Protein backbone atom coordinates (compact mmCIF):
# COMPACT_ATOMS: atom_id res chain seq x y z
CA MET A 1 -1.21 8.54 -16.79
CA SER A 2 -3.04 10.75 -14.10
CA GLY A 3 -6.54 10.63 -12.85
CA GLY A 4 -8.64 8.00 -10.99
CA SER A 5 -7.10 4.34 -11.87
CA MET A 6 -9.64 3.17 -9.24
CA ASP A 7 -12.43 5.75 -10.08
CA TYR A 8 -11.57 7.62 -6.92
CA LEU A 9 -12.64 4.94 -4.54
CA TYR A 10 -10.91 6.71 -1.98
CA GLY A 11 -13.16 9.80 -1.60
CA LYS A 12 -16.26 6.97 -1.98
CA ILE A 13 -14.85 5.15 1.34
CA GLU A 14 -14.17 8.77 2.75
CA ASN A 15 -17.82 9.78 2.22
CA ALA A 16 -19.37 7.02 3.05
CA THR A 17 -22.17 7.73 5.03
CA PHE A 18 -24.07 5.61 7.99
CA ALA A 19 -25.04 6.28 11.35
CA GLU A 20 -22.09 6.90 14.23
CA ASN A 21 -24.01 5.80 17.18
CA THR A 22 -21.95 3.29 18.65
CA LEU A 23 -18.62 2.98 19.83
CA LEU A 24 -18.11 -0.05 17.40
CA ARG A 25 -19.33 2.12 14.37
CA ARG A 26 -17.31 5.08 15.48
CA ALA A 27 -14.44 2.76 15.48
CA PHE A 28 -15.05 1.22 11.91
CA ARG A 29 -15.41 5.07 10.80
CA ARG A 30 -11.85 5.69 11.75
CA HIS A 31 -10.56 2.42 10.24
CA LEU A 32 -12.70 3.76 6.83
CA GLU A 33 -10.58 6.80 7.36
CA LEU A 34 -7.16 4.96 7.32
CA VAL A 35 -8.36 2.27 4.67
CA ALA A 36 -9.51 5.74 2.25
CA ALA A 37 -6.01 7.17 2.99
CA ALA A 38 -4.26 3.67 1.74
CA CYS A 39 -6.49 3.89 -1.30
CA ARG A 40 -5.67 6.67 -2.19
CA SER A 41 -1.75 6.45 -1.92
CA ILE A 42 -2.68 3.35 -4.32
CA GLU A 43 -4.51 5.15 -6.69
CA TRP A 44 -2.02 7.99 -6.87
CA ASN A 45 0.61 6.02 -7.37
CA ASP A 46 -1.25 3.61 -9.84
CA SER A 47 -2.19 6.57 -11.85
CA GLY A 48 1.06 8.25 -11.91
CA ASP A 49 0.35 11.18 -9.39
CA GLY A 50 3.11 9.46 -6.82
CA ASP A 51 2.31 9.23 -3.21
CA ASN A 52 5.21 8.23 -1.06
CA GLN A 53 3.30 7.39 2.03
CA GLU A 54 1.73 4.12 0.54
CA GLU A 55 3.55 1.84 2.65
CA GLU A 56 2.92 3.61 5.57
CA ASN A 57 -0.92 3.82 4.95
CA ILE A 58 -1.38 0.74 3.97
CA ARG A 59 0.45 -0.94 6.98
CA ALA A 60 -1.66 1.33 9.26
CA CYS A 61 -5.18 -0.33 8.10
CA LEU A 62 -3.51 -3.78 9.06
CA ALA A 63 -4.25 -6.06 11.76
CA SER A 64 -0.99 -7.07 13.67
CA GLY A 65 0.60 -10.20 11.59
CA ALA A 66 -1.48 -9.73 8.91
CA LEU A 67 1.71 -8.97 6.80
CA LEU A 68 3.32 -12.13 7.68
CA GLU A 69 0.04 -14.03 7.36
CA GLU A 70 -0.12 -13.07 3.63
CA ALA A 71 3.74 -13.68 3.27
CA THR A 72 3.66 -17.67 4.72
CA ALA A 73 0.15 -17.97 2.20
CA SER A 74 1.97 -17.09 -0.64
CA ALA A 75 5.19 -18.98 0.51
CA ARG A 76 2.99 -21.90 0.90
CA LEU A 77 1.41 -21.59 -2.54
CA ALA A 78 4.91 -21.26 -4.45
CA MET A 79 5.93 -24.43 -2.55
CA ASN A 80 2.72 -26.17 -3.76
CA GLU A 81 3.54 -24.90 -7.56
CA LEU A 82 6.65 -25.92 -7.16
CA ARG A 83 6.21 -29.15 -5.63
CA ALA A 84 3.19 -29.80 -8.56
CA LEU A 85 5.97 -28.92 -11.17
CA LEU A 86 8.67 -31.27 -9.91
CA GLU A 87 6.25 -33.81 -9.47
CA ALA A 88 5.20 -33.59 -13.27
CA THR A 89 8.93 -33.13 -14.51
CA PRO A 90 10.21 -36.67 -15.79
C-alpha cells in the first residue's frame, strides 16, 4: 500500500500558520517541525513506503522521561488487568 495512511497529516502540521511573534510561539513552531517529521515517518511506514528514522523522529518530540512514564502506565494497566483476571478465576 502506498499513499497517505494518515491523510498526509505531517504536511498539515508543517504548514500550520500562525503569528510567530513571541519566543514561545517560535519554540512551538520548532516543536511542530519535530512532530511533523515524526508523523511523516509513521505515515510512510504505515503506508508501506518506509522510513528508517521513525524511532529517532518520535524520540525527538518527546519530553525527557515520557517513554518511561508510558511504559510504567502500560505496566500498571497490565498488572491491574492480571489482578482482575486472577481474582475472577476460581
